[in-house]
């Protein structure tokens, strides 16, 4: 849960500061696709989604009594 909160704070930073800077610069997706995809999709969305799935699996193992895998 702590790591998901840290990722959310980074996503807010990336979506407001970085993309705000790119907006002021006049950059569009075609002029900087690596930065847009790297920050927006891979770093923020995929990492947070993977952490949420891992947390759900952890909670499922807790309910089933097999939490020794996550100790």
PDB file of N, CA and C in Angstrom:
ATOM      1  N   UNK A   1       0.826  -1.191   0.000  1.00  0.00           N
ATOM      2  CA  UNK A   1       0.000   0.000   0.000  1.00  0.00           C
ATOM      3  C   UNK A   1       0.870   1.255   0.000  1.00  0.00           C
ATOM      4  N   UNK A   2       1.967   1.237   0.739  1.00  0.00           N
ATOM      5  CA  UNK A   2       2.853   2.399   0.771  1.00  0.00           C
ATOM      6  C   UNK A   2       3.456   2.651  -0.605  1.00  0.00           C
ATOM      7  N   UNK A   3       3.884   1.583  -1.279  1.00  0.00           N
ATOM      8  CA  UNK A   3       4.497   1.727  -2.588  1.00  0.00           C
ATOM      9  C   UNK A   3       3.492   2.254  -3.612  1.00  0.00           C
ATOM     10  N   UNK A   4       2.236   1.845  -3.518  1.00  0.00           N
ATOM     11  CA  UNK A   4       1.210   2.353  -4.422  1.00  0.00           C
ATOM     12  C   UNK A   4       0.991   3.844  -4.185  1.00  0.00           C
ATOM     13  N   UNK A   5       1.052   4.275  -2.937  1.00  0.00           N
ATOM     14  CA  UNK A   5       0.948   5.701  -2.642  1.00  0.00           C
ATOM     15  C   UNK A   5       2.100   6.493  -3.209  1.00  0.00           C
ATOM     16  N   UNK A   6       3.313   5.937  -3.112  1.00  0.00           N
ATOM     17  CA  UNK A   6       4.488   6.606  -3.684  1.00  0.00           C
ATOM     18  C   UNK A   6       4.352   6.693  -5.200  1.00  0.00           C
ATOM     19  N   UNK A   7       3.884   5.624  -5.831  1.00  0.00           N
ATOM     20  CA  UNK A   7       3.683   5.640  -7.277  1.00  0.00           C
ATOM     21  C   UNK A   7       2.616   6.651  -7.686  1.00  0.00           C
ATOM     22  N   UNK A   8       1.566   6.780  -6.899  1.00  0.00           N
ATOM     23  CA  UNK A   8       0.540   7.772  -7.199  1.00  0.00           C
ATOM     24  C   UNK A   8       1.082   9.191  -7.088  1.00  0.00           C
ATOM     25  N   UNK A   9       1.925   9.433  -6.099  1.00  0.00           N
ATOM     26  CA  UNK A   9       2.529  10.764  -5.989  1.00  0.00           C
ATOM     27  C   UNK A   9       3.446  11.049  -7.179  1.00  0.00           C
ATOM     28  N   UNK A  10       4.183  10.046  -7.630  1.00  0.00           N
ATOM     29  CA  UNK A  10       5.020  10.229  -8.804  1.00  0.00           C
ATOM     30  C   UNK A  10       4.175  10.449 -10.051  1.00  0.00           C
ATOM     31  N   UNK A  11       3.033   9.746 -10.152  1.00  0.00           N
ATOM     32  CA  UNK A  11       2.158   9.931 -11.307  1.00  0.00           C
ATOM     33  C   UNK A  11       1.580  11.337 -11.336  1.00  0.00           C
ATOM     34  N   UNK A  12       1.229  11.876 -10.175  1.00  0.00           N
ATOM     35  CA  UNK A  12       0.741  13.255 -10.121  1.00  0.00           C
ATOM     36  C   UNK A  12       1.841  14.214 -10.557  1.00  0.00           C
ATOM     37  N   UNK A  13       3.065  13.983 -10.097  1.00  0.00           N
ATOM     38  CA  UNK A  13       4.188  14.812 -10.522  1.00  0.00           C
ATOM     39  C   UNK A  13       4.383  14.725 -12.028  1.00  0.00           C
ATOM     40  N   UNK A  14       4.380  13.511 -12.550  1.00  0.00           N
ATOM     41  CA  UNK A  14       4.637  13.330 -13.979  1.00  0.00           C
ATOM     42  C   UNK A  14       3.532  13.946 -14.817  1.00  0.00           C
ATOM     43  N   UNK A  15       2.304  13.758 -14.394  1.00  0.00           N
ATOM     44  CA  UNK A  15       1.196  14.260 -15.199  1.00  0.00           C
ATOM     45  C   UNK A  15       1.037  15.768 -15.096  1.00  0.00           C
ATOM     46  N   UNK A  16       1.454  16.368 -14.017  1.00  0.00           N
ATOM     47  CA  UNK A  16       1.275  17.815 -13.902  1.00  0.00           C
ATOM     48  C   UNK A  16       2.519  18.587 -14.307  1.00  0.00           C
ATOM     49  N   UNK A  17       3.658  18.242 -13.768  1.00  0.00           N
ATOM     50  CA  UNK A  17       4.870  19.013 -14.014  1.00  0.00           C
ATOM     51  C   UNK A  17       5.465  18.696 -15.387  1.00  0.00           C
ATOM     52  N   UNK A  18       5.712  17.435 -15.659  1.00  0.00           N
ATOM     53  CA  UNK A  18       6.388  17.065 -16.899  1.00  0.00           C
ATOM     54  C   UNK A  18       5.523  17.394 -18.110  1.00  0.00           C
ATOM     55  N   UNK A  19       4.267  16.998 -18.079  1.00  0.00           N
ATOM     56  CA  UNK A  19       3.421  17.262 -19.235  1.00  0.00           C
ATOM     57  C   UNK A  19       3.021  18.731 -19.323  1.00  0.00           C
ATOM     58  N   UNK A  20       3.019  19.432 -18.207  1.00  0.00           N
ATOM     59  CA  UNK A  20       2.831  20.879 -18.255  1.00  0.00           C
ATOM     60  C   UNK A  20       3.997  21.565 -18.938  1.00  0.00           C
ATOM     61  N   UNK A  21       5.196  21.111 -18.627  1.00  0.00           N
ATOM     62  CA  UNK A  21       6.386  21.642 -19.304  1.00  0.00           C
ATOM     63  C   UNK A  21       6.329  21.349 -20.797  1.00  0.00           C
ATOM     64  N   UNK A  22       5.954  20.121 -21.153  1.00  0.00           N
ATOM     65  CA  UNK A  22       5.855  19.786 -22.566  1.00  0.00           C
ATOM     66  C   UNK A  22       4.784  20.605 -23.267  1.00  0.00           C
ATOM     67  N   UNK A  23       3.715  20.948 -22.563  1.00  0.00           N
ATOM     68  CA  UNK A  23       2.676  21.798 -23.139  1.00  0.00           C
ATOM     69  C   UNK A  23       3.208  23.200 -23.395  1.00  0.00           C
ATOM     70  N   UNK A  24       3.944  23.756 -22.431  1.00  0.00           N
ATOM     71  CA  UNK A  24       4.516  25.086 -22.618  1.00  0.00           C
ATOM     72  C   UNK A  24       5.562  25.103 -23.732  1.00  0.00           C
ATOM     73  N   UNK A  25       6.257  24.001 -23.883  1.00  0.00           N
ATOM     74  CA  UNK A  25       7.263  23.888 -24.929  1.00  0.00           C
ATOM     75  C   UNK A  25       6.619  23.723 -26.309  1.00  0.00           C
ATOM     76  N   UNK A  26       5.389  23.279 -26.343  1.00  0.00           N
ATOM     77  CA  UNK A  26       4.694  23.054 -27.605  1.00  0.00           C
ATOM     78  C   UNK A  26       4.925  21.672 -28.171  1.00  0.00           C
ATOM     79  N   UNK A  27       5.391  20.779 -27.340  1.00  0.00           N
ATOM     80  CA  UNK A  27       5.683  19.426 -27.797  1.00  0.00           C
ATOM     81  C   UNK A  27       4.384  18.629 -27.921  1.00  0.00           C
ATOM     82  N   UNK A  28       4.320  17.821 -28.944  1.00  0.00           N
ATOM     83  CA  UNK A  28       3.207  16.901 -29.148  1.00  0.00           C
ATOM     84  C   UNK A  28       3.764  15.490 -29.136  1.00  0.00           C
ATOM     85  N   UNK A  29       2.885  14.527 -29.267  1.00  0.00           N
ATOM     86  CA  UNK A  29       3.321  13.138 -29.200  1.00  0.00           C
ATOM     87  C   UNK A  29       4.338  12.813 -30.287  1.00  0.00           C
ATOM     88  N   UNK A  30       4.125  13.325 -31.468  1.00  0.00           N
ATOM     89  CA  UNK A  30       5.019  13.007 -32.589  1.00  0.00           C
ATOM     90  C   UNK A  30       6.417  13.589 -32.394  1.00  0.00           C
ATOM     91  N   UNK A  31       6.541  14.687 -31.672  1.00  0.00           N
ATOM     92  CA  UNK A  31       7.856  15.276 -31.481  1.00  0.00           C
ATOM     93  C   UNK A  31       8.643  14.614 -30.355  1.00  0.00           C
ATOM     94  N   UNK A  32       7.968  13.941 -29.439  1.00  0.00           N
ATOM     95  CA  UNK A  32       8.656  13.319 -28.313  1.00  0.00           C
ATOM     96  C   UNK A  32       7.900  12.080 -27.835  1.00  0.00           C
ATOM     97  N   UNK A  33       7.819  11.027 -28.658  1.00  0.00           N
ATOM     98  CA  UNK A  33       7.013   9.859 -28.272  1.00  0.00           C
ATOM     99  C   UNK A  33       7.621   9.036 -27.142  1.00  0.00           C
ATOM    100  N   UNK A  34       8.944   8.983 -27.060  1.00  0.00           N
ATOM    101  CA  UNK A  34       9.584   8.166 -26.029  1.00  0.00           C
ATOM    102  C   UNK A  34       9.292   8.727 -24.642  1.00  0.00           C
ATOM    103  N   UNK A  35       9.407  10.026 -24.493  1.00  0.00           N
ATOM    104  CA  UNK A  35       9.133  10.663 -23.192  1.00  0.00           C
ATOM    105  C   UNK A  35       7.660  10.513 -22.813  1.00  0.00           C
ATOM    106  N   UNK A  36       6.781  10.732 -23.783  1.00  0.00           N
ATOM    107  CA  UNK A  36       5.350  10.651 -23.502  1.00  0.00           C
ATOM    108  C   UNK A  36       4.945   9.232 -23.113  1.00  0.00           C
ATOM    109  N   UNK A  37       5.388   8.259 -23.876  1.00  0.00           N
ATOM    110  CA  UNK A  37       5.051   6.869 -23.556  1.00  0.00           C
ATOM    111  C   UNK A  37       5.763   6.393 -22.300  1.00  0.00           C
ATOM    112  N   UNK A  38       7.025   6.762 -22.161  1.00  0.00           N
ATOM    113  CA  UNK A  38       7.802   6.295 -21.016  1.00  0.00           C
ATOM    114  C   UNK A  38       7.257   6.788 -19.698  1.00  0.00           C
ATOM    115  N   UNK A  39       6.963   8.066 -19.617  1.00  0.00           N
ATOM    116  CA  UNK A  39       6.472   8.635 -18.359  1.00  0.00           C
ATOM    117  C   UNK A  39       4.997   8.302 -18.153  1.00  0.00           C
ATOM    118  N   UNK A  40       4.209   8.486 -19.175  1.00  0.00           N
ATOM    119  CA  UNK A  40       2.768   8.355 -19.025  1.00  0.00           C
ATOM    120  C   UNK A  40       2.269   6.942 -18.851  1.00  0.00           C
ATOM    121  N   UNK A  41       2.711   6.061 -19.707  1.00  0.00           N
ATOM    122  CA  UNK A  41       2.131   4.725 -19.713  1.00  0.00           C
ATOM    123  C   UNK A  41       2.956   3.748 -18.897  1.00  0.00           C
ATOM    124  N   UNK A  42       4.215   3.607 -19.235  1.00  0.00           N
ATOM    125  CA  UNK A  42       5.027   2.557 -18.635  1.00  0.00           C
ATOM    126  C   UNK A  42       5.289   2.819 -17.159  1.00  0.00           C
ATOM    127  N   UNK A  43       5.770   4.014 -16.847  1.00  0.00           N
ATOM    128  CA  UNK A  43       6.166   4.294 -15.469  1.00  0.00           C
ATOM    129  C   UNK A  43       4.962   4.404 -14.557  1.00  0.00           C
ATOM    130  N   UNK A  44       3.992   5.192 -14.939  1.00  0.00           N
ATOM    131  CA  UNK A  44       2.869   5.474 -14.039  1.00  0.00           C
ATOM    132  C   UNK A  44       1.816   4.376 -14.059  1.00  0.00           C
ATOM    133  N   UNK A  45       1.300   4.069 -15.223  1.00  0.00           N
ATOM    134  CA  UNK A  45       0.125   3.202 -15.283  1.00  0.00           C
ATOM    135  C   UNK A  45       0.480   1.735 -15.090  1.00  0.00           C
ATOM    136  N   UNK A  46       1.466   1.246 -15.805  1.00  0.00           N
ATOM    137  CA  UNK A  46       1.807  -0.180 -15.730  1.00  0.00           C
ATOM    138  C   UNK A  46       2.352  -0.574 -14.360  1.00  0.00           C
ATOM    139  N   UNK A  47       3.190   0.258 -13.792  1.00  0.00           N
ATOM    140  CA  UNK A  47       3.769  -0.066 -12.496  1.00  0.00           C
ATOM    141  C   UNK A  47       2.711  -0.046 -11.402  1.00  0.00           C
ATOM    142  N   UNK A  48       1.843   0.950 -11.418  1.00  0.00           N
ATOM    143  CA  UNK A  48       0.783   1.011 -10.413  1.00  0.00           C
ATOM    144  C   UNK A  48      -0.199  -0.150 -10.569  1.00  0.00           C
ATOM    145  N   UNK A  49      -0.511  -0.521 -11.794  1.00  0.00           N
ATOM    146  CA  UNK A  49      -1.418  -1.651 -12.022  1.00  0.00           C
ATOM    147  C   UNK A  49      -0.803  -2.963 -11.557  1.00  0.00           C
ATOM    148  N   UNK A  50       0.486  -3.154 -11.828  1.00  0.00           N
ATOM    149  CA  UNK A  50       1.152  -4.376 -11.388  1.00  0.00           C
ATOM    150  C   UNK A  50       1.206  -4.454  -9.866  1.00  0.00           C
ATOM    151  N   UNK A  51       1.430  -3.325  -9.204  1.00  0.00           N
ATOM    152  CA  UNK A  51       1.435  -3.310  -7.740  1.00  0.00           C
ATOM    153  C   UNK A  51       0.056  -3.609  -7.169  1.00  0.00           C
ATOM    154  N   UNK A  52      -0.982  -3.117  -7.804  1.00  0.00           N
ATOM    155  CA  UNK A  52      -2.339  -3.407  -7.337  1.00  0.00           C
ATOM    156  C   UNK A  52      -2.677  -4.886  -7.491  1.00  0.00           C
ATOM    157  N   UNK A  53      -2.254  -5.488  -8.604  1.00  0.00           N
ATOM    158  CA  UNK A  53      -2.486  -6.919  -8.801  1.00  0.00           C
ATOM    159  C   UNK A  53      -1.706  -7.732  -7.772  1.00  0.00           C
ATOM    160  N   UNK A  54      -0.474  -7.357  -7.505  1.00  0.00           N
ATOM    161  CA  UNK A  54       0.321  -8.052  -6.491  1.00  0.00           C
ATOM    162  C   UNK A  54      -0.301  -7.917  -5.107  1.00  0.00           C
ATOM    163  N   UNK A  55      -0.844  -6.750  -4.788  1.00  0.00           N
ATOM    164  CA  UNK A  55      -1.523  -6.562  -3.510  1.00  0.00           C
ATOM    165  C   UNK A  55      -2.769  -7.433  -3.421  1.00  0.00           C
ATOM    166  N   UNK A  56      -3.522  -7.543  -4.515  1.00  0.00           N
ATOM    167  CA  UNK A  56      -4.707  -8.403  -4.522  1.00  0.00           C
ATOM    168  C   UNK A  56      -4.337  -9.871  -4.332  1.00  0.00           C
ATOM    169  N   UNK A  57      -3.262 -10.306  -4.976  1.00  0.00           N
ATOM    170  CA  UNK A  57      -2.806 -11.691  -4.795  1.00  0.00           C
ATOM    171  C   UNK A  57      -2.346 -11.917  -3.362  1.00  0.00           C
ATOM    172  N   UNK A  58      -1.655 -10.938  -2.787  1.00  0.00           N
ATOM    173  CA  UNK A  58      -1.219 -11.029  -1.397  1.00  0.00           C
ATOM    174  C   UNK A  58      -2.421 -11.164  -0.460  1.00  0.00           C
ATOM    175  N   UNK A  59      -3.436 -10.355  -0.677  1.00  0.00           N
ATOM    176  CA  UNK A  59      -4.630 -10.435   0.171  1.00  0.00           C
ATOM    177  C   UNK A  59      -5.366 -11.757  -0.010  1.00  0.00           C
ATOM    178  N   UNK A  60      -5.373 -12.286  -1.236  1.00  0.00           N
ATOM    179  CA  UNK A  60      -6.007 -13.576  -1.487  1.00  0.00           C
ATOM    180  C   UNK A  60      -5.275 -14.687  -0.743  1.00  0.00           C
ATOM    181  N   UNK A  61      -3.948 -14.655  -0.769  1.00  0.00           N
ATOM    182  CA  UNK A  61      -3.175 -15.661  -0.039  1.00  0.00           C
ATOM    183  C   UNK A  61      -3.367 -15.537   1.469  1.00  0.00           C
ATOM    184  N   UNK A  62      -3.571 -14.316   1.960  1.00  0.00           N
ATOM    185  CA  UNK A  62      -3.867 -14.121   3.384  1.00  0.00           C
ATOM    186  C   UNK A  62      -5.184 -14.792   3.756  1.00  0.00           C
ATOM    187  N   UNK A  63      -6.186 -14.618   2.915  1.00  0.00           N
ATOM    188  CA  UNK A  63      -7.504 -15.196   3.192  1.00  0.00           C
ATOM    189  C   UNK A  63      -7.438 -16.722   3.123  1.00  0.00           C
ATOM    190  N   UNK A  64      -6.675 -17.265   2.175  1.00  0.00           N
ATOM    191  CA  UNK A  64      -6.581 -18.716   2.012  1.00  0.00           C
ATOM    192  C   UNK A  64      -5.635 -19.369   3.023  1.00  0.00           C
ATOM    193  N   UNK A  65      -4.914 -18.568   3.783  1.00  0.00           N
ATOM    194  CA  UNK A  65      -4.016 -19.115   4.792  1.00  0.00           C
ATOM    195  C   UNK A  65      -2.674 -19.549   4.245  1.00  0.00           C
ATOM    196  N   UNK A  66      -2.292 -19.075   3.102  1.00  0.00           N
ATOM    197  CA  UNK A  66      -1.010 -19.436   2.493  1.00  0.00           C
ATOM    198  C   UNK A  66      -0.091 -18.228   2.432  1.00  0.00           C
ATOM    199  N   UNK A  67      -0.080 -17.449   3.485  1.00  0.00           N
ATOM    200  CA  UNK A  67       0.702 -16.207   3.489  1.00  0.00           C
ATOM    201  C   UNK A  67       2.197 -16.453   3.665  1.00  0.00           C
ATOM    202  N   UNK A  68       2.639 -17.694   3.822  1.00  0.00           N
ATOM    203  CA  UNK A  68       4.054 -17.955   3.989  1.00  0.00           C
ATOM    204  C   UNK A  68       4.838 -17.616   2.730  1.00  0.00           C
ATOM    205  N   UNK A  69       4.165 -17.522   1.575  1.00  0.00           N
ATOM    206  CA  UNK A  69       4.837 -17.153   0.339  1.00  0.00           C
ATOM    207  C   UNK A  69       5.208 -15.669   0.314  1.00  0.00           C
ATOM    208  N   UNK A  70       4.523 -14.843   1.104  1.00  0.00           N
ATOM    209  CA  UNK A  70       4.750 -13.403   1.117  1.00  0.00           C
ATOM    210  C   UNK A  70       5.351 -12.914   2.429  1.00  0.00           C
ATOM    211  N   UNK A  71       6.004 -13.782   3.156  1.00  0.00           N
ATOM    212  CA  UNK A  71       6.572 -13.345   4.437  1.00  0.00           C
ATOM    213  C   UNK A  71       7.980 -12.837   4.297  1.00  0.00           C
TER     214      UNK A  71
END
